[in-house]
Amino acid sequence: MAAIFQRTLRLRKALGYLSPHSTFSSTATARLSPVDHLGPSLPTASWQFGVCCRKLHTGADGPSQSPAAAPDRLPFSRITQEDLEFFRKILPDRTITDPDLLESNNVDWLKSVRGSSEVLLRPQTTEEVSQILKHCNSRNLAVNPQGGNTGLVGGSVPVYDEIILSTALMNNILTFDSISGILTCQAGCVLENLSLYLEERDYIMPLDLGAKGSCHIGGNVATNAGGLRLLRYGSLHGTVLGLEVVMADGRVLDCLAKLRKDNTGYDLKQLFIGSEGTLGVITAVSILCPRKPKSVNVVFLGCETFEQLLKTFQLCRGMLGEILSAFEFLDSECMRLLNTHLKLPNPISDCPFYVVIETSGSDPTHDGEKLHNFLEEAMMSSLVSDGTVATEDSKIKALWSMRERVTEALTHDGFPYKYDISLPVERIYQLVTDMREHLGDRAKSVVGYGHVGDGNLHLNITSPAKDAALLAAIEPFVYEWTAKCSGSVSAEHGLGLKKRNYIYYSKPRQAVALMGNLKAMLDPKGILNPYKTLPDNLK
């Protein structure tokens, strides 16, 4: 009991509930001192690596995994000089054919998928997108819509010679209603720029991603990006109020509503959220934005078992309620990689599991009291063995880096195999345990981290070098295990090129067939992202 009381005292002091004259051991003080020493926070452009399932690029920077062959090129037309003349007429100085300028648009940022497009089109308006697609549809030219090219499953780059249609110049904020918090903007607006715009007006975006410095809001919507704020604000299926979409034949579908309630007929915008650019090209978005919180706290805790971690989550939801904005976890293997490869010291004592909790609210006193009560209960119940709290921006970023830089640490550990899995919350870590047992000493590291609040596990496996035998042991084991638990093989990264043929592990054949019917109805010639999302047997 004395030890529990001492831990509670440390946390109370960190929260400011003890006077400067309160005493506790020097060991405890050192372990829970301010966390400035943790090192630099994660750079803006940091992403979760996706699974690479196609060998399109060889050599030292080749793909990490290639269990599925590329689909054959479909019988689309090839671009002609007449096509280029048409594009240059409507996009003067914005029709790019220089191979050097096309290079970065032809390859994903993982350098795992490389296309061979000869044309990059950079429209600025919806009308220009409409003219482009109308022409391409009439000529049977395949099109690859592209936003910030930060995707993880090969969905944002060509497979063959598809025309790249970039939304990068469609970056205007159209309107913002400071009363309702509804923002309307073009699809090419960078997420971080929108966040900065809103923060000046005392609002924030309802999603936050590591790639926010590069990703576009249109791409976020097209992939139904999740991120760190999903627990608090929900998915884009709820926060997106309206879309403007250009169909494959060039028709413009104007569903750019600014209403939170509209029950007149089918909610067509939902078809395009998460469709990965296969049903239409999103050109504008209307999204509901929450107020900027006046009080933010981040807590880093240690748990002895995953069962205790889940009980901590349950307690956290009950006691923190409306101010809880994130509940993330990482295991001791992740911490080892952070220590070894990034030299980030553990801010608390060694534990099998670690939790990052964020609260966001409007009253620092109220929020601090709720957080204090939760931490006291968690300590007194022996759910948590140690912890530290940050309320200042620099310290908050330092604690968040312990979760966000795991991906960076993994890149230094060897050849990575990465899986983005959604499972019932109580089963999240069992997959990591079973994978370790299944692989034995064939893998260098098997680690787990992710979004507990969303039931989203990032399972990562490393080996000294690319190992076909190891890959064969991982797959299809990981997908079969996920299917038995009624999980999803893609929680937030999408299917794109790399996971298209794994869809049946998560969706029944009738549902996949219906998706094919929708694709055939909205894009009869199949020109939009023709090799992505849907399995090969539907093409």
Protein backbone atom coordinates (compact mmCIF):
# COMPACT_ATOMS: atom_id res chain seq x y z
CA MET A 1 0.00 0.00 0.00
CA ALA A 2 2.88 2.36 0.77
CA ALA A 3 4.26 1.84 -2.73
CA ILE A 4 0.87 2.57 -4.30
CA PHE A 5 0.52 5.70 -2.17
CA GLN A 6 4.01 6.85 -3.21
CA ARG A 7 3.12 6.40 -6.89
CA THR A 8 -0.08 8.37 -6.39
CA LEU A 9 1.90 11.15 -4.74
CA ARG A 10 4.25 11.34 -7.71
CA LEU A 11 1.36 11.60 -10.14
CA ARG A 12 -0.40 14.17 -7.97
CA LYS A 13 2.73 16.30 -7.93
CA ALA A 14 3.04 16.01 -11.69
CA LEU A 15 -0.52 17.25 -11.99
CA GLY A 16 0.12 20.13 -9.61
CA TYR A 17 -2.09 18.87 -6.76
CA LEU A 18 0.77 18.85 -4.24
CA SER A 19 2.54 21.88 -2.89
CA PRO A 20 6.19 22.56 -3.69
CA HIS A 21 7.04 21.39 -0.18
CA SER A 22 5.64 17.85 -0.66
CA THR A 23 8.31 15.17 -0.34
CA PHE A 24 8.97 11.86 -2.03
CA SER A 25 12.00 9.72 -2.80
CA SER A 26 14.81 10.96 -5.02
CA THR A 27 14.40 7.87 -7.19
CA ALA A 28 10.77 8.72 -7.84
CA THR A 29 11.60 12.33 -8.53
CA ALA A 30 14.19 11.39 -11.13
CA ARG A 31 11.84 9.02 -12.88
CA LEU A 32 9.00 11.51 -13.02
CA SER A 33 10.93 14.67 -13.72
CA PRO A 34 9.88 16.82 -16.73
CA VAL A 35 10.31 14.93 -19.97
CA ASP A 36 12.31 17.46 -21.98
CA HIS A 37 15.16 14.95 -22.14
CA LEU A 38 13.15 12.57 -24.29
CA GLY A 39 14.56 14.06 -27.47
CA PRO A 40 12.97 15.76 -30.48
CA SER A 41 9.31 15.20 -31.22
CA LEU A 42 8.26 13.25 -34.29
CA PRO A 43 8.62 15.20 -37.53
CA THR A 44 5.35 16.18 -39.17
CA ALA A 45 5.82 13.84 -42.11
CA SER A 46 5.88 10.50 -40.31
CA TRP A 47 3.62 7.68 -41.33
CA GLN A 48 2.71 4.11 -40.51
CA PHE A 49 4.39 1.90 -43.10
CA GLY A 50 1.99 -0.28 -45.10
CA VAL A 51 2.34 -3.82 -46.34
CA CYS A 52 3.91 -4.04 -49.77
CA CYS A 53 2.38 -6.79 -51.85
CA ARG A 54 3.68 -6.17 -55.34
CA LYS A 55 7.11 -6.24 -56.96
CA LEU A 56 7.21 -3.27 -59.31
CA HIS A 57 10.59 -1.92 -58.33
CA THR A 58 13.81 -3.85 -57.95
CA GLY A 59 17.19 -3.20 -56.46
CA ALA A 60 18.30 -1.89 -53.09
CA ASP A 61 15.17 0.23 -52.65
CA GLY A 62 12.81 -2.48 -53.89
CA PRO A 63 9.55 -3.54 -52.29
CA SER A 64 9.45 -5.04 -48.84
CA GLN A 65 7.03 -7.82 -49.72
CA SER A 66 5.61 -9.33 -52.92
CA PRO A 67 3.15 -12.14 -52.18
CA ALA A 68 0.72 -11.13 -54.95
CA ALA A 69 1.50 -10.66 -58.62
CA ALA A 70 0.50 -7.46 -60.38
CA PRO A 71 -2.74 -7.59 -62.34
CA ASP A 72 -2.36 -7.62 -66.11
CA ARG A 73 -2.69 -4.31 -67.89
CA LEU A 74 -6.29 -3.84 -68.96
CA PRO A 75 -7.09 -2.85 -72.59
CA PHE A 76 -7.06 0.92 -72.08
CA SER A 77 -5.98 3.26 -74.84
CA ARG A 78 -2.52 4.76 -74.82
CA ILE A 79 -2.05 8.49 -74.78
CA THR A 80 -1.49 10.21 -78.13
CA GLN A 81 -0.21 13.59 -79.25
CA GLU A 82 -3.81 14.65 -79.83
CA ASP A 83 -4.62 13.87 -76.20
CA LEU A 84 -1.68 15.96 -75.03
CA GLU A 85 -2.80 18.86 -77.22
CA PHE A 86 -6.25 18.68 -75.65
CA PHE A 87 -4.85 18.68 -72.11
CA ARG A 88 -2.47 21.54 -72.86
CA LYS A 89 -5.34 23.56 -74.20
CA ILE A 90 -7.32 23.35 -70.96
CA LEU A 91 -4.28 23.19 -68.65
CA PRO A 92 -1.63 25.52 -70.08
CA ASP A 93 1.67 25.05 -68.23
CA ARG A 94 0.00 22.42 -66.03
CA THR A 95 0.31 19.40 -68.31
CA ILE A 96 3.58 17.79 -67.22
CA THR A 97 5.41 15.31 -69.45
CA ASP A 98 9.03 15.79 -68.29
CA PRO A 99 10.12 12.36 -66.89
CA ASP A 100 12.22 14.04 -64.19
CA LEU A 101 9.21 16.02 -62.94
CA LEU A 102 7.00 12.93 -63.15
CA GLU A 103 9.36 10.75 -61.09
CA SER A 104 8.05 11.66 -57.64
CA ASN A 105 4.44 11.19 -58.74
CA ASN A 106 5.14 7.79 -60.27
CA VAL A 107 6.49 6.21 -57.09
CA ASP A 108 4.98 5.94 -53.62
CA TRP A 109 6.94 7.39 -50.72
CA LEU A 110 7.88 3.88 -49.54
CA LYS A 111 9.48 3.35 -52.96
CA SER A 112 7.67 0.04 -53.09
CA VAL A 113 5.37 0.66 -56.06
CA ARG A 114 6.46 2.41 -59.25
CA GLY A 115 4.29 3.29 -62.21
CA SER A 116 5.20 4.49 -65.69
CA SER A 117 2.79 7.35 -66.32
CA GLU A 118 3.87 9.76 -69.02
CA VAL A 119 1.48 12.57 -68.09
CA LEU A 120 0.76 14.52 -64.91
CA LEU A 121 -2.26 16.84 -64.99
CA ARG A 122 -2.61 19.59 -62.37
CA PRO A 123 -6.11 21.12 -62.54
CA GLN A 124 -7.13 24.06 -60.37
CA THR A 125 -10.91 23.89 -60.69
CA THR A 126 -13.71 21.36 -60.68
CA GLU A 127 -14.57 22.34 -64.25
CA GLU A 128 -11.07 21.41 -65.39
CA VAL A 129 -11.34 18.03 -63.67
CA SER A 130 -14.68 17.54 -65.39
CA GLN A 131 -13.21 18.24 -68.83
CA ILE A 132 -10.28 15.91 -68.17
CA LEU A 133 -12.44 12.98 -67.11
CA LYS A 134 -14.95 13.52 -69.89
CA HIS A 135 -12.13 13.32 -72.43
CA CYS A 136 -10.45 10.33 -70.78
CA ASN A 137 -13.72 8.45 -70.55
CA SER A 138 -14.47 9.03 -74.24
CA ARG A 139 -10.96 7.92 -75.17
CA ASN A 140 -10.84 4.99 -72.71
CA LEU A 141 -7.76 6.40 -70.96
CA ALA A 142 -7.13 5.16 -67.41
CA VAL A 143 -6.75 7.80 -64.68
CA ASN A 144 -4.97 7.69 -61.33
CA PRO A 145 -6.29 10.40 -58.94
CA GLN A 146 -3.53 11.58 -56.60
CA GLY A 147 -3.47 13.79 -53.53
CA GLY A 148 -0.42 14.12 -51.30
CA ASN A 149 0.87 10.65 -52.26
CA THR A 150 1.25 9.57 -48.63
CA GLY A 151 -0.77 6.37 -48.99
CA LEU A 152 0.51 3.09 -47.56
CA VAL A 153 -1.04 0.47 -49.83
CA GLY A 154 -0.03 1.59 -53.32
CA GLY A 155 -3.32 3.32 -54.02
CA SER A 156 -1.95 6.74 -54.92
CA VAL A 157 0.44 5.91 -57.77
CA PRO A 158 -0.05 4.36 -61.22
CA VAL A 159 0.45 0.66 -61.81
CA TYR A 160 1.13 1.07 -65.53
CA ASP A 161 0.72 4.20 -67.66
CA GLU A 162 -2.42 5.69 -66.11
CA ILE A 163 -2.71 9.47 -66.37
CA ILE A 164 -1.94 11.06 -62.99
CA LEU A 165 -4.60 13.59 -62.02
CA SER A 166 -3.16 15.60 -59.13
CA THR A 167 -5.30 17.79 -56.86
CA ALA A 168 -2.24 19.65 -55.50
CA LEU A 169 -3.28 23.00 -57.02
CA MET A 170 -6.88 22.69 -55.82
CA ASN A 171 -5.91 24.13 -52.45
CA ASN A 172 -8.34 26.94 -51.71
CA ILE A 173 -10.43 27.31 -48.58
CA LEU A 174 -13.88 28.25 -49.85
CA THR A 175 -15.85 29.16 -46.73
CA PHE A 176 -15.75 28.82 -42.96
CA ASP A 177 -18.71 29.39 -40.67
CA SER A 178 -17.36 30.43 -37.27
CA ILE A 179 -20.74 29.78 -35.63
CA SER A 180 -21.35 26.23 -36.83
CA GLY A 181 -17.69 25.30 -37.29
CA ILE A 182 -18.30 24.06 -40.85
CA LEU A 183 -15.35 24.35 -43.21
CA THR A 184 -15.67 24.03 -46.99
CA CYS A 185 -12.51 23.68 -49.06
CA GLN A 186 -11.05 22.21 -52.21
CA ALA A 187 -9.75 18.66 -52.09
CA GLY A 188 -6.08 19.58 -52.47
CA CYS A 189 -5.82 21.52 -49.21
CA VAL A 190 -3.03 20.10 -47.04
CA LEU A 191 -4.34 18.86 -43.69
CA GLU A 192 -1.79 20.81 -41.65
CA ASN A 193 -2.63 24.05 -43.48
CA LEU A 194 -6.29 23.54 -42.66
CA SER A 195 -5.37 22.88 -39.03
CA LEU A 196 -3.35 26.11 -38.81
CA TYR A 197 -6.15 28.08 -40.48
CA LEU A 198 -8.68 26.73 -38.00
CA GLU A 199 -6.50 27.15 -34.93
CA GLU A 200 -6.29 30.88 -35.67
CA ARG A 201 -10.08 30.86 -35.44
CA ASP A 202 -10.23 28.76 -32.26
CA TYR A 203 -11.19 25.53 -34.05
CA ILE A 204 -9.38 22.32 -35.01
CA MET A 205 -9.73 19.65 -37.67
CA PRO A 206 -11.55 16.51 -36.45
CA LEU A 207 -8.65 14.31 -37.67
CA ASP A 208 -4.92 14.38 -37.05
CA LEU A 209 -2.35 12.25 -38.87
CA GLY A 210 1.41 11.89 -38.82
CA ALA A 211 1.39 12.78 -42.54
CA LYS A 212 -0.56 16.00 -41.98
CA GLY A 213 2.22 18.11 -43.48
CA SER A 214 1.77 16.41 -46.86
CA CYS A 215 -1.58 14.65 -47.09
CA HIS A 216 -4.60 16.30 -48.73
CA ILE A 217 -8.09 16.45 -47.25
CA GLY A 218 -9.51 14.94 -50.45
CA GLY A 219 -7.21 11.95 -50.09
CA ASN A 220 -8.06 11.70 -46.40
CA VAL A 221 -11.75 11.47 -47.29
CA ALA A 222 -11.18 9.13 -50.23
CA THR A 223 -9.34 6.70 -47.94
CA ASN A 224 -11.46 7.39 -44.83
CA ALA A 225 -8.30 8.16 -42.87
CA GLY A 226 -8.50 7.44 -39.14
CA GLY A 227 -5.70 8.93 -37.06
CA LEU A 228 -5.27 9.93 -33.45
CA ARG A 229 -8.54 11.82 -32.88
CA LEU A 230 -10.98 9.14 -34.04
CA LEU A 231 -11.76 8.06 -30.46
CA ARG A 232 -12.98 11.56 -29.64
CA TYR A 233 -14.49 12.85 -32.89
CA GLY A 234 -15.36 9.69 -34.81
CA SER A 235 -14.62 8.79 -38.42
CA LEU A 236 -14.98 10.94 -41.51
CA HIS A 237 -18.23 9.14 -42.27
CA GLY A 238 -19.66 11.28 -39.47
CA THR A 239 -17.75 14.56 -39.70
CA VAL A 240 -17.89 15.02 -43.49
CA LEU A 241 -21.15 16.83 -44.24
CA GLY A 242 -20.86 17.17 -48.00
CA LEU A 243 -18.76 16.38 -51.04
CA GLU A 244 -18.35 17.60 -54.58
CA VAL A 245 -17.34 14.72 -56.82
CA VAL A 246 -16.57 14.48 -60.53
CA MET A 247 -17.79 11.20 -61.96
CA ALA A 248 -15.84 9.08 -64.44
CA ASP A 249 -17.74 10.53 -67.42
CA GLY A 250 -17.14 14.12 -66.32
CA ARG A 251 -20.49 14.82 -64.71
CA VAL A 252 -20.25 16.87 -61.50
CA LEU A 253 -22.13 15.53 -58.49
CA ASP A 254 -22.76 18.48 -56.17
CA CYS A 255 -23.51 17.10 -52.71
CA LEU A 256 -21.54 19.83 -50.98
CA ALA A 257 -24.10 20.27 -48.21
CA LYS A 258 -23.45 22.27 -45.05
CA LEU A 259 -26.25 20.70 -43.06
CA ARG A 260 -25.80 18.36 -40.11
CA LYS A 261 -29.23 16.85 -40.70
CA ASP A 262 -30.56 15.99 -44.14
CA ASN A 263 -32.78 12.95 -44.58
CA THR A 264 -33.91 13.59 -48.14
CA GLY A 265 -33.15 10.37 -49.96
CA TYR A 266 -29.91 8.42 -50.06
CA ASP A 267 -26.78 9.85 -48.44
CA LEU A 268 -24.70 9.57 -51.61
CA LYS A 269 -21.55 11.12 -50.19
CA GLN A 270 -21.00 7.99 -48.09
CA LEU A 271 -20.32 6.02 -51.28
CA PHE A 272 -17.20 8.08 -51.95
CA ILE A 273 -15.79 8.20 -48.41
CA GLY A 274 -13.30 5.34 -48.34
CA SER A 275 -13.76 4.45 -52.03
CA GLU A 276 -10.07 5.26 -52.73
CA GLY A 277 -10.75 7.20 -55.93
CA THR A 278 -12.37 4.26 -57.72
CA LEU A 279 -15.91 5.72 -57.98
CA GLY A 280 -15.23 9.40 -58.60
CA VAL A 281 -12.73 12.20 -57.99
CA ILE A 282 -13.44 14.28 -54.88
CA THR A 283 -12.91 17.96 -55.68
CA ALA A 284 -14.34 19.71 -52.59
CA VAL A 285 -15.22 18.82 -49.01
CA SER A 286 -17.51 20.24 -46.36
CA ILE A 287 -16.51 19.12 -42.87
CA LEU A 288 -17.68 19.79 -39.32
CA CYS A 289 -14.85 21.05 -37.10
CA PRO A 290 -14.77 21.02 -33.28
CA ARG A 291 -13.69 23.93 -31.09
CA LYS A 292 -10.05 24.12 -30.12
CA PRO A 293 -9.60 22.71 -26.60
CA LYS A 294 -8.35 25.14 -23.96
CA SER A 295 -6.90 22.40 -21.79
CA VAL A 296 -4.75 19.48 -23.02
CA ASN A 297 -3.02 16.88 -20.84
CA VAL A 298 -1.01 13.82 -21.85
CA VAL A 299 -0.31 10.90 -19.50
CA PHE A 300 2.23 8.12 -20.06
CA LEU A 301 1.50 5.05 -17.94
CA GLY A 302 2.91 1.56 -17.48
CA CYS A 303 0.89 -1.65 -17.01
CA GLU A 304 2.06 -5.13 -16.03
CA THR A 305 -0.43 -7.06 -18.19
CA PHE A 306 -2.58 -6.36 -21.22
CA GLU A 307 -5.63 -7.27 -19.13
CA GLN A 308 -4.71 -4.43 -16.76
CA LEU A 309 -4.29 -2.16 -19.77
CA LEU A 310 -7.81 -2.98 -20.94
CA LYS A 311 -9.20 -2.40 -17.45
CA THR A 312 -7.38 0.93 -17.40
CA PHE A 313 -9.06 1.80 -20.69
CA GLN A 314 -12.45 0.84 -19.26
CA LEU A 315 -11.82 2.93 -16.14
CA CYS A 316 -10.52 5.78 -18.27
CA ARG A 317 -13.65 5.92 -20.41
CA GLY A 318 -15.84 5.89 -17.33
CA MET A 319 -14.00 8.52 -15.31
CA LEU A 320 -12.68 10.86 -18.01
CA GLY A 321 -15.75 10.68 -20.22
CA GLU A 322 -16.11 13.66 -22.50
CA ILE A 323 -12.51 14.92 -22.12
CA LEU A 324 -10.85 11.66 -23.26
CA SER A 325 -9.40 12.27 -26.74
CA ALA A 326 -6.84 9.46 -27.23
CA PHE A 327 -5.86 6.11 -25.72
CA GLU A 328 -2.83 4.58 -27.44
CA PHE A 329 -0.57 1.69 -26.48
CA LEU A 330 2.84 0.18 -27.22
CA ASP A 331 4.52 -2.91 -25.83
CA SER A 332 7.91 -3.38 -24.20
CA GLU A 333 9.44 -4.50 -27.51
CA CYS A 334 8.51 -1.13 -29.00
CA MET A 335 10.16 0.57 -26.05
CA ARG A 336 13.29 -1.52 -26.58
CA LEU A 337 13.48 -0.37 -30.20
CA LEU A 338 12.98 3.26 -29.18
CA ASN A 339 15.79 2.93 -26.64
CA THR A 340 18.13 1.03 -28.96
CA HIS A 341 17.71 2.78 -32.29
CA LEU A 342 16.53 6.30 -31.39
CA LYS A 343 18.18 6.61 -27.96
CA LEU A 344 14.89 7.69 -26.41
CA PRO A 345 14.98 6.87 -22.68
CA ASN A 346 11.93 5.40 -21.02
CA PRO A 347 10.24 8.25 -19.08
CA ILE A 348 9.00 5.77 -16.44
CA SER A 349 10.11 2.43 -15.05
CA ASP A 350 10.24 -0.63 -17.32
CA CYS A 351 6.86 -2.27 -17.89
CA PRO A 352 5.46 -4.88 -20.30
CA PHE A 353 2.95 -2.37 -21.69
CA TYR A 354 2.70 1.41 -21.98
CA VAL A 355 -0.28 3.71 -22.50
CA VAL A 356 -0.53 7.24 -23.88
CA ILE A 357 -3.70 9.00 -22.77
CA GLU A 358 -4.71 12.46 -23.95
CA THR A 359 -7.46 14.63 -22.53
CA SER A 360 -8.86 17.72 -24.22
CA GLY A 361 -11.36 20.06 -22.64
CA SER A 362 -12.40 23.63 -21.97
CA ASP A 363 -11.60 24.03 -18.26
CA PRO A 364 -8.09 23.25 -16.97
CA THR A 365 -9.25 23.01 -13.36
CA HIS A 366 -12.14 20.69 -14.17
CA ASP A 367 -10.05 18.55 -16.52
CA GLY A 368 -7.15 18.34 -14.08
CA GLU A 369 -9.43 17.23 -11.26
CA LYS A 370 -10.99 14.49 -13.41
CA LEU A 371 -7.58 13.32 -14.52
CA HIS A 372 -6.30 13.31 -10.94
CA ASN A 373 -9.24 11.22 -9.77
CA PHE A 374 -8.73 8.74 -12.59
CA LEU A 375 -4.99 8.40 -11.93
CA GLU A 376 -5.54 7.97 -8.20
CA GLU A 377 -8.09 5.24 -8.82
CA ALA A 378 -5.89 3.51 -11.40
CA MET A 379 -2.96 3.53 -8.97
CA MET A 380 -4.94 2.47 -5.93
CA SER A 381 -6.49 -0.38 -7.95
CA SER A 382 -3.00 -1.51 -9.02
CA LEU A 383 -3.95 -1.26 -12.69
CA VAL A 384 -1.03 1.06 -13.33
CA SER A 385 2.47 0.58 -11.96
CA ASP A 386 4.07 3.92 -12.88
CA GLY A 387 3.44 7.05 -14.90
CA THR A 388 4.12 10.67 -15.71
CA VAL A 389 2.00 13.61 -16.83
CA ALA A 390 2.65 16.52 -19.21
CA THR A 391 0.64 19.73 -19.61
CA GLU A 392 3.12 21.94 -21.50
CA ASP A 393 3.35 21.73 -25.29
CA SER A 394 7.01 20.68 -25.46
CA LYS A 395 6.53 17.95 -22.86
CA ILE A 396 3.30 16.78 -24.50
CA LYS A 397 5.14 16.38 -27.80
CA ALA A 398 7.94 14.51 -26.07
CA LEU A 399 5.54 12.00 -24.52
CA TRP A 400 3.65 11.58 -27.80
CA SER A 401 6.96 10.85 -29.53
CA MET A 402 7.21 7.62 -27.52
CA ARG A 403 4.17 6.37 -29.43
CA GLU A 404 4.59 8.12 -32.76
CA ARG A 405 8.28 7.32 -33.35
CA VAL A 406 7.85 3.56 -33.07
CA THR A 407 7.55 3.39 -36.85
CA GLU A 408 10.83 5.28 -37.22
CA ALA A 409 12.55 2.91 -34.77
CA LEU A 410 11.31 -0.11 -36.73
CA THR A 411 12.99 1.12 -39.90
CA HIS A 412 16.34 0.75 -38.11
CA ASP A 413 15.65 -2.74 -36.78
CA GLY A 414 15.77 -4.65 -40.06
CA PHE A 415 13.45 -5.57 -42.88
CA PRO A 416 9.85 -4.75 -41.80
CA TYR A 417 6.59 -6.61 -42.45
CA LYS A 418 3.68 -4.39 -41.47
CA TYR A 419 0.02 -5.11 -40.85
CA ASP A 420 -2.85 -2.75 -40.05
CA ILE A 421 -5.50 -4.86 -38.34
CA SER A 422 -8.85 -4.05 -36.73
CA LEU A 423 -10.06 -6.44 -34.03
CA PRO A 424 -12.44 -6.60 -31.07
CA VAL A 425 -10.60 -4.60 -28.40
CA GLU A 426 -10.16 -7.56 -26.06
CA ARG A 427 -8.39 -9.56 -28.79
CA ILE A 428 -5.97 -6.90 -30.02
CA TYR A 429 -2.80 -8.12 -28.37
CA GLN A 430 -3.53 -11.83 -28.63
CA LEU A 431 -2.54 -11.66 -32.29
CA VAL A 432 0.90 -10.38 -31.32
CA THR A 433 1.32 -13.16 -28.76
CA ASP A 434 0.15 -15.85 -31.18
CA MET A 435 2.37 -14.50 -33.96
CA ARG A 436 5.43 -14.66 -31.72
CA GLU A 437 4.62 -18.25 -30.84
CA HIS A 438 3.89 -19.10 -34.47
CA LEU A 439 7.15 -17.62 -35.81
CA GLY A 440 9.46 -18.60 -32.98
CA ASP A 441 13.03 -17.52 -33.67
CA ARG A 442 12.41 -16.97 -37.39
CA ALA A 443 11.69 -13.27 -36.78
CA LYS A 444 14.05 -10.74 -35.26
CA SER A 445 11.26 -8.72 -33.60
CA VAL A 446 7.48 -9.00 -33.31
CA VAL A 447 5.93 -5.85 -31.85
CA GLY A 448 2.46 -4.44 -31.33
CA TYR A 449 1.17 -0.90 -30.87
CA GLY A 450 -1.83 1.12 -31.96
CA HIS A 451 -5.17 2.67 -31.12
CA VAL A 452 -6.84 0.80 -28.26
CA GLY A 453 -9.83 3.10 -28.37
CA ASP A 454 -10.48 2.10 -32.00
CA GLY A 455 -9.53 -1.58 -31.76
CA ASN A 456 -6.72 -0.95 -34.26
CA LEU A 457 -3.49 -2.94 -33.98
CA HIS A 458 -0.31 -2.17 -35.89
CA LEU A 459 1.49 -5.51 -35.97
CA ASN A 460 5.11 -5.24 -37.09
CA ILE A 461 7.61 -8.01 -37.71
CA THR A 462 11.26 -7.54 -38.62
CA SER A 463 14.01 -9.77 -39.96
CA PRO A 464 17.67 -9.04 -40.75
CA ALA A 465 16.88 -9.11 -44.49
CA LYS A 466 13.97 -9.80 -46.80
CA ASP A 467 12.98 -13.40 -46.14
CA ALA A 468 10.50 -15.20 -48.42
CA ALA A 469 10.20 -18.11 -46.00
CA LEU A 470 9.34 -15.75 -43.15
CA LEU A 471 6.73 -13.98 -45.29
CA ALA A 472 5.17 -17.33 -46.15
CA ALA A 473 4.92 -18.07 -42.43
CA ILE A 474 3.27 -14.71 -41.71
CA GLU A 475 0.77 -14.83 -44.56
CA PRO A 476 -1.90 -16.03 -44.76
CA PHE A 477 -1.65 -16.83 -41.01
CA VAL A 478 -2.20 -13.18 -40.03
CA TYR A 479 -5.25 -12.84 -42.31
CA GLU A 480 -6.78 -16.16 -41.31
CA TRP A 481 -6.35 -15.27 -37.63
CA THR A 482 -7.99 -11.89 -38.22
CA ALA A 483 -10.90 -13.45 -40.13
CA LYS A 484 -11.57 -15.94 -37.32
CA CYS A 485 -12.02 -12.99 -34.96
CA SER A 486 -14.33 -11.19 -37.41
CA GLY A 487 -11.71 -8.47 -37.78
CA SER A 488 -10.58 -6.34 -40.72
CA VAL A 489 -7.35 -6.81 -42.67
CA SER A 490 -7.22 -3.04 -43.18
CA ALA A 491 -8.28 -0.88 -40.27
CA GLU A 492 -7.30 2.55 -41.63
CA HIS A 493 -4.78 2.22 -44.47
CA GLY A 494 -7.22 1.03 -47.15
CA LEU A 495 -6.78 -1.73 -49.73
CA GLY A 496 -5.23 0.07 -52.69
CA LEU A 497 -3.10 -2.16 -54.88
CA LYS A 498 -1.39 -4.15 -52.17
CA LYS A 499 -4.36 -5.54 -50.26
CA ARG A 500 -7.02 -5.71 -52.96
CA ASN A 501 -7.06 -9.51 -53.11
CA TYR A 502 -7.25 -9.87 -49.32
CA ILE A 503 -10.69 -8.26 -49.15
CA TYR A 504 -12.44 -11.62 -48.82
CA TYR A 505 -10.88 -12.15 -45.41
CA SER A 506 -12.98 -9.23 -44.15
CA LYS A 507 -15.98 -8.98 -46.44
CA PRO A 508 -18.44 -11.66 -47.64
CA ARG A 509 -18.52 -12.42 -51.35
CA GLN A 510 -22.00 -10.95 -51.73
CA ALA A 511 -20.77 -7.62 -50.36
CA VAL A 512 -17.70 -7.62 -52.63
CA ALA A 513 -19.88 -8.47 -55.62
CA LEU A 514 -22.16 -5.54 -54.77
CA MET A 515 -19.10 -3.27 -54.65
CA GLY A 516 -18.26 -4.49 -58.15
CA ASN A 517 -21.80 -3.65 -59.28
CA LEU A 518 -21.48 -0.12 -57.88
CA LYS A 519 -18.16 0.32 -59.66
CA ALA A 520 -19.67 -0.90 -62.95
CA MET A 521 -22.62 1.46 -62.59
CA LEU A 522 -20.66 4.61 -61.69
CA ASP A 523 -17.60 3.92 -63.85
CA PRO A 524 -18.72 1.54 -66.66
CA LYS A 525 -15.41 1.69 -68.50
CA GLY A 526 -13.43 1.28 -65.30
CA ILE A 527 -11.04 4.14 -65.99
CA LEU A 528 -10.70 5.38 -62.38
CA ASN A 529 -7.93 3.64 -60.42
CA PRO A 530 -8.61 0.44 -62.37
CA TYR A 531 -6.16 -1.84 -60.51
CA LYS A 532 -7.03 -0.77 -56.95
CA THR A 533 -9.34 -1.71 -54.07
CA LEU A 534 -11.44 -4.38 -55.77
CA PRO A 535 -10.03 -7.90 -56.22
CA ASP A 536 -8.76 -9.04 -59.60
CA ASN A 537 -11.67 -11.42 -60.17
CA LEU A 538 -14.05 -8.43 -60.45
CA LYS A 539 -12.03 -6.68 -63.15
